Amino acid sequence: MSDNQTQEAWLELPAVANDPNAKGTGVYLPFAGGSKEYLQDITYDDLLNNDAAQTYYAFAWVPHAVATFQQVKQPACTGRCSKTCKRPGCLCDRSIGQCR
């Protein structure tokens, strides 16, 4: 089962909770230790469907209400982690305990 690292608080934002078609950026690791990949302008439900079809190692959805695609791609993701990383667009690769 994939590690969904989407922050609950983002799903509860009025711009997201009240709009099932809210767009955002999907960020995922296809496998443990893999390189991070992105899906632009995707809904949360579509990201979940993509995960069901491809089974990502880890993924997160960052709504545009939180950060644009360019902002999501920008952060340098560093540091140790155990469950999630704080910055939008960063994923915790639990296989190595590092933010990517």
PDB file of N, CA and C in Angstrom:
ATOM      1  N   MET A   1       0.835  -1.180   0.000  1.00  0.00           N
ATOM      2  CA  MET A   1       0.000   0.000   0.000  1.00  0.00           C
ATOM      3  C   MET A   1       0.883   1.248   0.000  1.00  0.00           C
ATOM      4  N   SER A   2       0.504   2.216  -0.799  1.00  0.00           N
ATOM      5  CA  SER A   2       1.275   3.452  -0.926  1.00  0.00           C
ATOM      6  C   SER A   2       1.205   4.302   0.337  1.00  0.00           C
ATOM      7  N   ASP A   3       2.230   5.110   0.515  1.00  0.00           N
ATOM      8  CA  ASP A   3       2.326   6.009   1.658  1.00  0.00           C
ATOM      9  C   ASP A   3       1.804   7.382   1.240  1.00  0.00           C
ATOM     10  N   ASN A   4       0.529   7.672   1.565  1.00  0.00           N
ATOM     11  CA  ASN A   4      -0.085   8.957   1.229  1.00  0.00           C
ATOM     12  C   ASN A   4       0.336   9.981   2.273  1.00  0.00           C
ATOM     13  N   GLN A   5       1.180  10.938   1.870  1.00  0.00           N
ATOM     14  CA  GLN A   5       1.696  11.949   2.776  1.00  0.00           C
ATOM     15  C   GLN A   5       1.011  13.306   2.600  1.00  0.00           C
ATOM     16  N   THR A   6      -0.149  13.316   1.956  1.00  0.00           N
ATOM     17  CA  THR A   6      -0.918  14.546   1.801  1.00  0.00           C
ATOM     18  C   THR A   6      -1.342  15.049   3.184  1.00  0.00           C
ATOM     19  N   GLN A   7      -1.131  16.325   3.434  1.00  0.00           N
ATOM     20  CA  GLN A   7      -1.472  16.882   4.746  1.00  0.00           C
ATOM     21  C   GLN A   7      -2.989  17.059   4.855  1.00  0.00           C
ATOM     22  N   GLU A   8      -3.553  16.528   5.926  1.00  0.00           N
ATOM     23  CA  GLU A   8      -5.006  16.616   6.163  1.00  0.00           C
ATOM     24  C   GLU A   8      -5.484  18.071   6.156  1.00  0.00           C
ATOM     25  N   ALA A   9      -4.689  18.958   6.719  1.00  0.00           N
ATOM     26  CA  ALA A   9      -5.087  20.371   6.789  1.00  0.00           C
ATOM     27  C   ALA A   9      -5.324  20.947   5.395  1.00  0.00           C
ATOM     28  N   TRP A  10      -4.566  20.482   4.406  1.00  0.00           N
ATOM     29  CA  TRP A  10      -4.756  20.976   3.036  1.00  0.00           C
ATOM     30  C   TRP A  10      -6.085  20.518   2.467  1.00  0.00           C
ATOM     31  N   LEU A  11      -6.501  19.314   2.801  1.00  0.00           N
ATOM     32  CA  LEU A  11      -7.771  18.791   2.299  1.00  0.00           C
ATOM     33  C   LEU A  11      -8.965  19.494   2.954  1.00  0.00           C
ATOM     34  N   GLU A  12      -8.728  20.101   4.105  1.00  0.00           N
ATOM     35  CA  GLU A  12      -9.781  20.791   4.845  1.00  0.00           C
ATOM     36  C   GLU A  12      -9.881  22.274   4.511  1.00  0.00           C
ATOM     37  N   LEU A  13      -8.978  22.801   3.691  1.00  0.00           N
ATOM     38  CA  LEU A  13      -9.062  24.201   3.280  1.00  0.00           C
ATOM     39  C   LEU A  13     -10.368  24.422   2.528  1.00  0.00           C
ATOM     40  N   PRO A  14     -11.080  25.526   2.784  1.00  0.00           N
ATOM     41  CA  PRO A  14     -12.352  25.770   2.102  1.00  0.00           C
ATOM     42  C   PRO A  14     -12.238  25.696   0.571  1.00  0.00           C
ATOM     43  N   ALA A  15     -11.156  26.207   0.003  1.00  0.00           N
ATOM     44  CA  ALA A  15     -10.983  26.178  -1.457  1.00  0.00           C
ATOM     45  C   ALA A  15     -10.857  24.760  -1.992  1.00  0.00           C
ATOM     46  N   VAL A  16     -10.503  23.828  -1.137  1.00  0.00           N
ATOM     47  CA  VAL A  16     -10.357  22.424  -1.529  1.00  0.00           C
ATOM     48  C   VAL A  16     -11.582  21.613  -1.095  1.00  0.00           C
ATOM     49  N   ALA A  17     -11.963  21.751   0.152  1.00  0.00           N
ATOM     50  CA  ALA A  17     -13.077  20.971   0.698  1.00  0.00           C
ATOM     51  C   ALA A  17     -14.389  21.250  -0.026  1.00  0.00           C
ATOM     52  N   ASN A  18     -14.574  22.485  -0.497  1.00  0.00           N
ATOM     53  CA  ASN A  18     -15.818  22.875  -1.157  1.00  0.00           C
ATOM     54  C   ASN A  18     -15.767  22.707  -2.676  1.00  0.00           C
ATOM     55  N   ASP A  19     -14.651  22.215  -3.201  1.00  0.00           N
ATOM     56  CA  ASP A  19     -14.503  22.069  -4.650  1.00  0.00           C
ATOM     57  C   ASP A  19     -13.866  20.720  -4.982  1.00  0.00           C
ATOM     58  N   PRO A  20     -14.681  19.720  -5.350  1.00  0.00           N
ATOM     59  CA  PRO A  20     -14.119  18.403  -5.675  1.00  0.00           C
ATOM     60  C   PRO A  20     -13.218  18.413  -6.915  1.00  0.00           C
ATOM     61  N   ASN A  21     -13.263  19.509  -7.671  1.00  0.00           N
ATOM     62  CA  ASN A  21     -12.418  19.621  -8.865  1.00  0.00           C
ATOM     63  C   ASN A  21     -11.207  20.523  -8.636  1.00  0.00           C
ATOM     64  N   ALA A  22     -10.902  20.804  -7.371  1.00  0.00           N
ATOM     65  CA  ALA A  22      -9.734  21.637  -7.063  1.00  0.00           C
ATOM     66  C   ALA A  22      -8.480  20.971  -7.627  1.00  0.00           C
ATOM     67  N   LYS A  23      -7.655  21.772  -8.266  1.00  0.00           N
ATOM     68  CA  LYS A  23      -6.423  21.256  -8.881  1.00  0.00           C
ATOM     69  C   LYS A  23      -5.232  21.484  -7.969  1.00  0.00           C
ATOM     70  N   GLY A  24      -4.225  20.686  -8.204  1.00  0.00           N
ATOM     71  CA  GLY A  24      -2.993  20.804  -7.453  1.00  0.00           C
ATOM     72  C   GLY A  24      -1.881  20.066  -8.164  1.00  0.00           C
ATOM     73  N   THR A  25      -0.816  19.821  -7.446  1.00  0.00           N
ATOM     74  CA  THR A  25       0.343  19.109  -7.981  1.00  0.00           C
ATOM     75  C   THR A  25       0.482  17.783  -7.249  1.00  0.00           C
ATOM     76  N   GLY A  26       0.606  16.719  -8.003  1.00  0.00           N
ATOM     77  CA  GLY A  26       0.898  15.418  -7.432  1.00  0.00           C
ATOM     78  C   GLY A  26       2.405  15.222  -7.403  1.00  0.00           C
ATOM     79  N   VAL A  27       2.920  14.813  -6.282  1.00  0.00           N
ATOM     80  CA  VAL A  27       4.346  14.549  -6.108  1.00  0.00           C
ATOM     81  C   VAL A  27       4.457  13.096  -5.671  1.00  0.00           C
ATOM     82  N   TYR A  28       5.325  12.321  -6.322  1.00  0.00           N
ATOM     83  CA  TYR A  28       5.409  10.920  -5.924  1.00  0.00           C
ATOM     84  C   TYR A  28       6.798  10.336  -6.128  1.00  0.00           C
ATOM     85  N   LEU A  29       7.059   9.297  -5.345  1.00  0.00           N
ATOM     86  CA  LEU A  29       8.241   8.450  -5.517  1.00  0.00           C
ATOM     87  C   LEU A  29       7.720   7.138  -6.097  1.00  0.00           C
ATOM     88  N   PRO A  30       8.165   6.747  -7.291  1.00  0.00           N
ATOM     89  CA  PRO A  30       7.656   5.514  -7.885  1.00  0.00           C
ATOM     90  C   PRO A  30       8.093   4.263  -7.118  1.00  0.00           C
ATOM     91  N   PHE A  31       9.237   4.345  -6.438  1.00  0.00           N
ATOM     92  CA  PHE A  31       9.740   3.215  -5.657  1.00  0.00           C
ATOM     93  C   PHE A  31      10.693   3.741  -4.587  1.00  0.00           C
ATOM     94  N   ALA A  32      10.970   2.929  -3.576  1.00  0.00           N
ATOM     95  CA  ALA A  32      11.880   3.320  -2.490  1.00  0.00           C
ATOM     96  C   ALA A  32      13.232   3.710  -3.074  1.00  0.00           C
ATOM     97  N   GLY A  33      13.739   4.850  -2.657  1.00  0.00           N
ATOM     98  CA  GLY A  33      15.026   5.322  -3.140  1.00  0.00           C
ATOM     99  C   GLY A  33      14.961   5.940  -4.525  1.00  0.00           C
ATOM    100  N   GLY A  34      13.765   6.034  -5.107  1.00  0.00           N
ATOM    101  CA  GLY A  34      13.604   6.580  -6.464  1.00  0.00           C
ATOM    102  C   GLY A  34      13.652   8.093  -6.489  1.00  0.00           C
ATOM    103  N   SER A  35      13.657   8.630  -7.686  1.00  0.00           N
ATOM    104  CA  SER A  35      13.631  10.081  -7.871  1.00  0.00           C
ATOM    105  C   SER A  35      12.189  10.575  -7.826  1.00  0.00           C
ATOM    106  N   LYS A  36      12.011  11.749  -7.282  1.00  0.00           N
ATOM    107  CA  LYS A  36      10.691  12.351  -7.160  1.00  0.00           C
ATOM    108  C   LYS A  36      10.184  12.767  -8.541  1.00  0.00           C
ATOM    109  N   GLU A  37       8.882  12.532  -8.777  1.00  0.00           N
ATOM    110  CA  GLU A  37       8.254  12.906 -10.035  1.00  0.00           C
ATOM    111  C   GLU A  37       7.007  13.720  -9.735  1.00  0.00           C
ATOM    112  N   TYR A  38       6.514  14.445 -10.765  1.00  0.00           N
ATOM    113  CA  TYR A  38       5.413  15.378 -10.574  1.00  0.00           C
ATOM    114  C   TYR A  38       4.303  15.162 -11.596  1.00  0.00           C
ATOM    115  N   LEU A  39       3.072  15.472 -11.177  1.00  0.00           N
ATOM    116  CA  LEU A  39       1.914  15.503 -12.059  1.00  0.00           C
ATOM    117  C   LEU A  39       1.273  16.875 -11.886  1.00  0.00           C
ATOM    118  N   GLN A  40       1.220  17.656 -12.956  1.00  0.00           N
ATOM    119  CA  GLN A  40       0.675  19.006 -12.896  1.00  0.00           C
ATOM    120  C   GLN A  40      -0.837  19.014 -13.034  1.00  0.00           C
ATOM    121  N   ASP A  41      -1.456  20.002 -12.422  1.00  0.00           N
ATOM    122  CA  ASP A  41      -2.892  20.276 -12.581  1.00  0.00           C
ATOM    123  C   ASP A  41      -3.749  19.022 -12.476  1.00  0.00           C
ATOM    124  N   ILE A  42      -3.634  18.344 -11.347  1.00  0.00           N
ATOM    125  CA  ILE A  42      -4.375  17.108 -11.112  1.00  0.00           C
ATOM    126  C   ILE A  42      -5.249  17.276  -9.866  1.00  0.00           C
ATOM    127  N   THR A  43      -6.410  16.646  -9.880  1.00  0.00           N
ATOM    128  CA  THR A  43      -7.255  16.670  -8.687  1.00  0.00           C
ATOM    129  C   THR A  43      -6.750  15.602  -7.713  1.00  0.00           C
ATOM    130  N   TYR A  44      -7.155  15.732  -6.459  1.00  0.00           N
ATOM    131  CA  TYR A  44      -6.765  14.750  -5.453  1.00  0.00           C
ATOM    132  C   TYR A  44      -7.309  13.367  -5.826  1.00  0.00           C
ATOM    133  N   ASP A  45      -8.572  13.319  -6.254  1.00  0.00           N
ATOM    134  CA  ASP A  45      -9.176  12.040  -6.631  1.00  0.00           C
ATOM    135  C   ASP A  45      -8.454  11.391  -7.807  1.00  0.00           C
ATOM    136  N   ASP A  46      -8.042  12.201  -8.783  1.00  0.00           N
ATOM    137  CA  ASP A  46      -7.304  11.642  -9.926  1.00  0.00           C
ATOM    138  C   ASP A  46      -5.941  11.102  -9.497  1.00  0.00           C
ATOM    139  N   LEU A  47      -5.307  11.780  -8.541  1.00  0.00           N
ATOM    140  CA  LEU A  47      -4.032  11.282  -8.023  1.00  0.00           C
ATOM    141  C   LEU A  47      -4.235   9.940  -7.312  1.00  0.00           C
ATOM    142  N   LEU A  48      -5.309   9.831  -6.538  1.00  0.00           N
ATOM    143  CA  LEU A  48      -5.611   8.556  -5.877  1.00  0.00           C
ATOM    144  C   LEU A  48      -5.858   7.452  -6.903  1.00  0.00           C
ATOM    145  N   ASN A  49      -6.554   7.784  -7.985  1.00  0.00           N
ATOM    146  CA  ASN A  49      -6.793   6.798  -9.049  1.00  0.00           C
ATOM    147  C   ASN A  49      -5.490   6.392  -9.735  1.00  0.00           C
ATOM    148  N   ASN A  50      -4.609   7.356  -9.980  1.00  0.00           N
ATOM    149  CA  ASN A  50      -3.296   7.041 -10.575  1.00  0.00           C
ATOM    150  C   ASN A  50      -2.510   6.115  -9.654  1.00  0.00           C
ATOM    151  N   ASP A  51      -2.564   6.400  -8.355  1.00  0.00           N
ATOM    152  CA  ASP A  51      -1.861   5.555  -7.396  1.00  0.00           C
ATOM    153  C   ASP A  51      -2.429   4.141  -7.404  1.00  0.00           C
ATOM    154  N   ALA A  52      -3.737   4.019  -7.475  1.00  0.00           N
ATOM    155  CA  ALA A  52      -4.365   2.693  -7.491  1.00  0.00           C
ATOM    156  C   ALA A  52      -3.913   1.892  -8.712  1.00  0.00           C
ATOM    157  N   ALA A  53      -3.693   2.575  -9.831  1.00  0.00           N
ATOM    158  CA  ALA A  53      -3.280   1.906 -11.059  1.00  0.00           C
ATOM    159  C   ALA A  53      -1.780   1.590 -11.078  1.00  0.00           C
ATOM    160  N   GLN A  54      -0.967   2.475 -10.451  1.00  0.00           N
ATOM    161  CA  GLN A  54       0.486   2.330 -10.553  1.00  0.00           C
ATOM    162  C   GLN A  54       1.166   1.956  -9.242  1.00  0.00           C
ATOM    163  N   THR A  55       0.509   2.164  -8.124  1.00  0.00           N
ATOM    164  CA  THR A  55       1.034   1.905  -6.792  1.00  0.00           C
ATOM    165  C   THR A  55       2.397   2.577  -6.565  1.00  0.00           C
ATOM    166  N   TYR A  56       2.323   3.860  -6.233  1.00  0.00           N
ATOM    167  CA  TYR A  56       3.531   4.619  -5.898  1.00  0.00           C
ATOM    168  C   TYR A  56       4.078   4.145  -4.556  1.00  0.00           C
ATOM    169  N   TYR A  57       5.354   4.373  -4.338  1.00  0.00           N
ATOM    170  CA  TYR A  57       5.940   4.091  -3.030  1.00  0.00           C
ATOM    171  C   TYR A  57       5.418   5.112  -2.011  1.00  0.00           C
ATOM    172  N   ALA A  58       5.455   6.384  -2.392  1.00  0.00           N
ATOM    173  CA  ALA A  58       4.954   7.470  -1.547  1.00  0.00           C
ATOM    174  C   ALA A  58       4.453   8.579  -2.451  1.00  0.00           C
ATOM    175  N   PHE A  59       3.451   9.317  -1.969  1.00  0.00           N
ATOM    176  CA  PHE A  59       2.937  10.432  -2.759  1.00  0.00           C
ATOM    177  C   PHE A  59       2.290  11.469  -1.851  1.00  0.00           C
ATOM    178  N   ALA A  60       2.116  12.663  -2.410  1.00  0.00           N
ATOM    179  CA  ALA A  60       1.392  13.735  -1.731  1.00  0.00           C
ATOM    180  C   ALA A  60       0.751  14.612  -2.792  1.00  0.00           C
ATOM    181  N   TRP A  61      -0.357  15.203  -2.424  1.00  0.00           N
ATOM    182  CA  TRP A  61      -1.035  16.161  -3.287  1.00  0.00           C
ATOM    183  C   TRP A  61      -0.931  17.516  -2.631  1.00  0.00           C
ATOM    184  N   VAL A  62      -0.489  18.511  -3.396  1.00  0.00           N
ATOM    185  CA  VAL A  62      -0.355  19.876  -2.892  1.00  0.00           C
ATOM    186  C   VAL A  62      -1.316  20.750  -3.691  1.00  0.00           C
ATOM    187  N   PRO A  63      -2.418  21.182  -3.083  1.00  0.00           N
ATOM    188  CA  PRO A  63      -3.379  22.004  -3.827  1.00  0.00           C
ATOM    189  C   PRO A  63      -2.775  23.344  -4.222  1.00  0.00           C
ATOM    190  N   HIS A  64      -3.259  23.879  -5.344  1.00  0.00           N
ATOM    191  CA  HIS A  64      -2.789  25.196  -5.783  1.00  0.00           C
ATOM    192  C   HIS A  64      -3.082  26.270  -4.742  1.00  0.00           C
ATOM    193  N   ALA A  65      -4.063  26.037  -3.866  1.00  0.00           N
ATOM    194  CA  ALA A  65      -4.360  26.988  -2.791  1.00  0.00           C
ATOM    195  C   ALA A  65      -3.201  27.076  -1.793  1.00  0.00           C
ATOM    196  N   VAL A  66      -2.327  26.063  -1.794  1.00  0.00           N
ATOM    197  CA  VAL A  66      -1.168  26.041  -0.896  1.00  0.00           C
ATOM    198  C   VAL A  66       0.093  26.490  -1.629  1.00  0.00           C
ATOM    199  N   ALA A  67       0.314  25.944  -2.830  1.00  0.00           N
ATOM    200  CA  ALA A  67       1.523  26.270  -3.594  1.00  0.00           C
ATOM    201  C   ALA A  67       1.301  25.962  -5.069  1.00  0.00           C
ATOM    202  N   THR A  68       1.877  26.784  -5.937  1.00  0.00           N
ATOM    203  CA  THR A  68       1.809  26.545  -7.370  1.00  0.00           C
ATOM    204  C   THR A  68       2.769  25.414  -7.742  1.00  0.00           C
ATOM    205  N   PHE A  69       2.642  24.937  -8.963  1.00  0.00           N
ATOM    206  CA  PHE A  69       3.545  23.893  -9.451  1.00  0.00           C
ATOM    207  C   PHE A  69       4.999  24.344  -9.341  1.00  0.00           C
ATOM    208  N   GLN A  70       5.272  25.578  -9.741  1.00  0.00           N
ATOM    209  CA  GLN A  70       6.650  26.097  -9.684  1.00  0.00           C
ATOM    210  C   GLN A  70       7.159  26.147  -8.246  1.00  0.00           C
ATOM    211  N   GLN A  71       6.304  26.520  -7.316  1.00  0.00           N
ATOM    212  CA  GLN A  71       6.713  26.572  -5.906  1.00  0.00           C
ATOM    213  C   GLN A  71       6.961  25.170  -5.358  1.00  0.00           C
ATOM    214  N   VAL A  72       6.166  24.206  -5.797  1.00  0.00           N
ATOM    215  CA  VAL A  72       6.343  22.824  -5.332  1.00  0.00           C
ATOM    216  C   VAL A  72       7.662  22.257  -5.833  1.00  0.00           C
ATOM    217  N   LYS A  73       8.037  22.578  -7.067  1.00  0.00           N
ATOM    218  CA  LYS A  73       9.276  22.048  -7.638  1.00  0.00           C
ATOM    219  C   LYS A  73      10.517  22.723  -7.074  1.00  0.00           C
ATOM    220  N   GLN A  74      10.370  23.892  -6.509  1.00  0.00           N
ATOM    221  CA  GLN A  74      11.501  24.708  -6.090  1.00  0.00           C
ATOM    222  C   GLN A  74      12.235  24.255  -4.831  1.00  0.00           C
ATOM    223  N   PRO A  75      11.538  23.782  -3.799  1.00  0.00           N
ATOM    224  CA  PRO A  75      12.248  23.567  -2.535  1.00  0.00           C
ATOM    225  C   PRO A  75      13.331  22.496  -2.604  1.00  0.00           C
ATOM    226  N   ALA A  76      14.403  22.798  -1.901  1.00  0.00           N
ATOM    227  CA  ALA A  76      15.426  21.781  -1.703  1.00  0.00           C
ATOM    228  C   ALA A  76      14.963  20.963  -0.501  1.00  0.00           C
ATOM    229  N   CYS A  77      14.701  19.712  -0.743  1.00  0.00           N
ATOM    230  CA  CYS A  77      14.179  18.842   0.308  1.00  0.00           C
ATOM    231  C   CYS A  77      15.338  18.100   0.959  1.00  0.00           C
ATOM    232  N   THR A  78      15.619  18.483   2.165  1.00  0.00           N
ATOM    233  CA  THR A  78      16.734  17.869   2.885  1.00  0.00           C
ATOM    234  C   THR A  78      16.304  17.560   4.303  1.00  0.00           C
ATOM    235  N   GLY A  79      17.094  16.806   4.978  1.00  0.00           N
ATOM    236  CA  GLY A  79      16.855  16.519   6.385  1.00  0.00           C
ATOM    237  C   GLY A  79      16.309  15.130   6.615  1.00  0.00           C
ATOM    238  N   ARG A  80      16.350  14.739   7.858  1.00  0.00           N
ATOM    239  CA  ARG A  80      15.857  13.422   8.276  1.00  0.00           C
ATOM    240  C   ARG A  80      14.349  13.494   8.459  1.00  0.00           C
ATOM    241  N   CYS A  81      13.696  12.355   8.321  1.00  0.00           N
ATOM    242  CA  CYS A  81      12.249  12.295   8.529  1.00  0.00           C
ATOM    243  C   CYS A  81      11.869  10.897   8.990  1.00  0.00           C
ATOM    244  N   SER A  82      10.689  10.817   9.602  1.00  0.00           N
ATOM    245  CA  SER A  82      10.184   9.506  10.001  1.00  0.00           C
ATOM    246  C   SER A  82       8.821   9.222   9.381  1.00  0.00           C
ATOM    247  N   LYS A  83       8.036  10.274   9.122  1.00  0.00           N
ATOM    248  CA  LYS A  83       6.713  10.087   8.530  1.00  0.00           C
ATOM    249  C   LYS A  83       6.464  11.006   7.349  1.00  0.00           C
ATOM    250  N   THR A  84       6.656  12.301   7.546  1.00  0.00           N
ATOM    251  CA  THR A  84       6.443  13.276   6.484  1.00  0.00           C
ATOM    252  C   THR A  84       7.507  14.361   6.565  1.00  0.00           C
ATOM    253  N   CYS A  85       7.519  15.200   5.553  1.00  0.00           N
ATOM    254  CA  CYS A  85       8.392  16.373   5.534  1.00  0.00           C
ATOM    255  C   CYS A  85       7.499  17.604   5.584  1.00  0.00           C
ATOM    256  N   LYS A  86       7.994  18.686   6.123  1.00  0.00           N
ATOM    257  CA  LYS A  86       7.170  19.869   6.346  1.00  0.00           C
ATOM    258  C   LYS A  86       6.901  20.681   5.080  1.00  0.00           C
ATOM    259  N   ARG A  87       7.866  20.814   4.198  1.00  0.00           N
ATOM    260  CA  ARG A  87       7.716  21.671   3.031  1.00  0.00           C
ATOM    261  C   ARG A  87       6.792  21.052   1.980  1.00  0.00           C
ATOM    262  N   PRO A  88       5.907  21.869   1.394  1.00  0.00           N
ATOM    263  CA  PRO A  88       5.074  21.365   0.303  1.00  0.00           C
ATOM    264  C   PRO A  88       5.947  20.864  -0.844  1.00  0.00           C
ATOM    265  N   GLY A  89       5.660  19.681  -1.323  1.00  0.00           N
ATOM    266  CA  GLY A  89       6.424  19.103  -2.425  1.00  0.00           C
ATOM    267  C   GLY A  89       7.538  18.179  -1.993  1.00  0.00           C
ATOM    268  N   CYS A  90       7.803  18.106  -0.695  1.00  0.00           N
ATOM    269  CA  CYS A  90       8.832  17.202  -0.186  1.00  0.00           C
ATOM    270  C   CYS A  90       8.177  15.926   0.343  1.00  0.00           C
ATOM    271  N   LEU A  91       8.802  14.808   0.064  1.00  0.00           N
ATOM    272  CA  LEU A  91       8.299  13.515   0.513  1.00  0.00           C
ATOM    273  C   LEU A  91       9.320  12.844   1.414  1.00  0.00           C
ATOM    274  N   CYS A  92       8.838  12.115   2.388  1.00  0.00           N
ATOM    275  CA  CYS A  92       9.713  11.341   3.257  1.00  0.00           C
ATOM    276  C   CYS A  92       9.913   9.967   2.632  1.00  0.00           C
ATOM    277  N   ASP A  93      11.130   9.688   2.230  1.00  0.00           N
ATOM    278  CA  ASP A  93      11.468   8.347   1.741  1.00  0.00           C
ATOM    279  C   ASP A  93      11.831   7.537   2.976  1.00  0.00           C
ATOM    280  N   ARG A  94      10.857   6.827   3.510  1.00  0.00           N
ATOM    281  CA  ARG A  94      11.048   6.091   4.760  1.00  0.00           C
ATOM    282  C   ARG A  94      12.070   4.969   4.656  1.00  0.00           C
ATOM    283  N   SER A  95      12.368   4.548   3.433  1.00  0.00           N
ATOM    284  CA  SER A  95      13.360   3.482   3.279  1.00  0.00           C
ATOM    285  C   SER A  95      14.751   3.942   3.688  1.00  0.00           C
ATOM    286  N   ILE A  96      14.979   5.263   3.631  1.00  0.00           N
ATOM    287  CA  ILE A  96      16.276   5.813   4.021  1.00  0.00           C
ATOM    288  C   ILE A  96      16.144   6.902   5.076  1.00  0.00           C
ATOM    289  N   GLY A  97      14.906   7.262   5.468  1.00  0.00           N
ATOM    290  CA  GLY A  97      14.698   8.269   6.504  1.00  0.00           C
ATOM    291  C   GLY A  97      15.126   9.660   6.099  1.00  0.00           C
ATOM    292  N   GLN A  98      14.971   9.995   4.812  1.00  0.00           N
ATOM    293  CA  GLN A  98      15.391  11.300   4.295  1.00  0.00           C
ATOM    294  C   GLN A  98      14.265  11.963   3.505  1.00  0.00           C
ATOM    295  N   CYS A  99      14.182  13.293   3.628  1.00  0.00           N
ATOM    296  CA  CYS A  99      13.259  14.055   2.780  1.00  0.00           C
ATOM    297  C   CYS A  99      13.842  14.141   1.380  1.00  0.00           C
ATOM    298  N   ARG A 100      12.964  13.994   0.413  1.00  0.00           N
ATOM    299  CA  ARG A 100      13.367  14.100  -0.998  1.00  0.00           C
ATOM    300  C   ARG A 100      12.497  15.121  -1.683  1.00  0.00           C
TER     301      ARG A 100
END
